[in-house]
Amino acid sequence: HNVQFDISHIRSVLNRNGYEEAQRINKDDTEKTYKIGYPQIDTCALAYLFLPTERQNLNALREYFEISTDRAHSADTDVEDCR
């Protein structure tokens, strides 16, 4: 949910640890590089496009789909609820 937010944090951690985003011209496999692959499916954007909800945050979507909020905001529950 809001995949770009998560990816920006992943990139930040990789960059702080000496990794650089791979470029098409990188040919040296010994460099510390990374590439974040595709596809990236953003459930927040999908909710905005297709659901008649006023808000698109995960708790609003849980309410819309009648999903329990008992363990909301734990990583494993958030991932499971986005499936």
Protein backbone atom coordinates (compact mmCIF):
# COMPACT_ATOMS: atom_id res chain seq x y z
CA HIS A 1 0.00 0.00 0.00
CA ASN A 2 1.68 3.20 -1.23
CA VAL A 3 4.54 1.20 -2.73
CA GLN A 4 6.68 4.24 -3.63
CA PHE A 5 6.98 5.12 0.06
CA ASP A 6 8.39 1.67 0.84
CA ILE A 7 10.71 1.65 -2.16
CA SER A 8 12.16 5.03 -1.20
CA HIS A 9 13.06 3.60 2.22
CA ILE A 10 14.62 0.49 0.68
CA ARG A 11 16.70 2.64 -1.68
CA SER A 12 17.80 4.83 1.22
CA VAL A 13 19.01 1.82 3.25
CA LEU A 14 20.86 0.37 0.26
CA ASN A 15 22.52 3.70 -0.54
CA ARG A 16 23.59 4.21 3.09
CA ASN A 17 25.25 0.79 2.94
CA GLY A 18 27.35 1.59 -0.11
CA TYR A 19 25.10 0.29 -2.88
CA GLU A 20 24.26 2.26 -6.00
CA GLU A 21 21.28 1.73 -8.26
CA ALA A 22 22.37 -0.30 -11.28
CA GLN A 23 22.46 1.51 -14.60
CA ARG A 24 22.14 -0.12 -18.00
CA ILE A 25 25.80 0.69 -18.69
CA ASN A 26 27.10 -1.10 -15.57
CA LYS A 27 29.03 -4.10 -16.84
CA ASP A 28 31.16 -4.85 -13.80
CA ASP A 29 29.37 -7.44 -11.66
CA THR A 30 31.75 -6.81 -8.75
CA GLU A 31 30.23 -3.39 -8.02
CA LYS A 32 27.78 -3.05 -5.15
CA THR A 33 24.71 -2.31 -7.22
CA TYR A 34 21.01 -3.06 -6.97
CA LYS A 35 18.00 -2.94 -9.24
CA ILE A 36 14.46 -2.85 -7.91
CA GLY A 37 12.43 -4.97 -10.28
CA TYR A 38 8.99 -4.66 -11.72
CA PRO A 39 6.06 -4.94 -11.50
CA GLN A 40 5.24 -2.91 -8.45
CA ILE A 41 1.55 -3.06 -7.70
CA ASP A 42 0.29 -0.20 -5.56
CA THR A 43 -2.90 -1.15 -3.74
CA CYS A 44 -3.38 2.48 -2.66
CA ALA A 45 -3.49 3.66 -6.29
CA LEU A 46 -5.82 0.81 -7.23
CA ALA A 47 -8.17 1.76 -4.40
CA TYR A 48 -8.18 5.38 -5.55
CA LEU A 49 -9.05 4.35 -9.10
CA PHE A 50 -11.64 1.66 -8.47
CA LEU A 51 -13.27 1.96 -5.04
CA PRO A 52 -16.00 4.39 -3.97
CA THR A 53 -14.27 5.17 -0.68
CA GLU A 54 -13.59 8.70 0.48
CA ARG A 55 -10.16 7.70 1.81
CA GLN A 56 -7.71 5.10 0.52
CA ASN A 57 -5.63 4.39 3.61
CA LEU A 58 -5.37 0.78 4.67
CA ASN A 59 -7.76 1.11 7.60
CA ALA A 60 -10.43 2.69 5.37
CA LEU A 61 -10.04 -0.24 2.97
CA ARG A 62 -10.24 -2.74 5.83
CA GLU A 63 -13.53 -1.14 6.83
CA TYR A 64 -14.81 -1.19 3.23
CA PHE A 65 -13.96 -4.88 2.78
CA GLU A 66 -15.01 -5.76 6.36
CA ILE A 67 -11.53 -6.97 7.33
CA SER A 68 -10.61 -7.06 11.01
CA THR A 69 -8.34 -4.31 12.33
CA ASP A 70 -7.20 -6.38 15.33
CA ARG A 71 -3.56 -6.53 14.24
CA ALA A 72 -3.51 -3.51 11.94
CA HIS A 73 -0.12 -1.91 11.31
CA SER A 74 1.90 -5.05 11.92
CA ALA A 75 3.93 -5.81 8.82
CA ASP A 76 2.64 -9.33 8.29
CA THR A 77 -1.00 -8.31 8.77
CA ASP A 78 -0.68 -5.32 6.44
CA VAL A 79 0.85 -7.53 3.74
CA GLU A 80 -1.84 -10.15 4.16
CA ASP A 81 -4.62 -7.56 4.05
CA CYS A 82 -3.27 -6.14 0.78
CA ARG A 83 -3.60 -9.52 -0.90
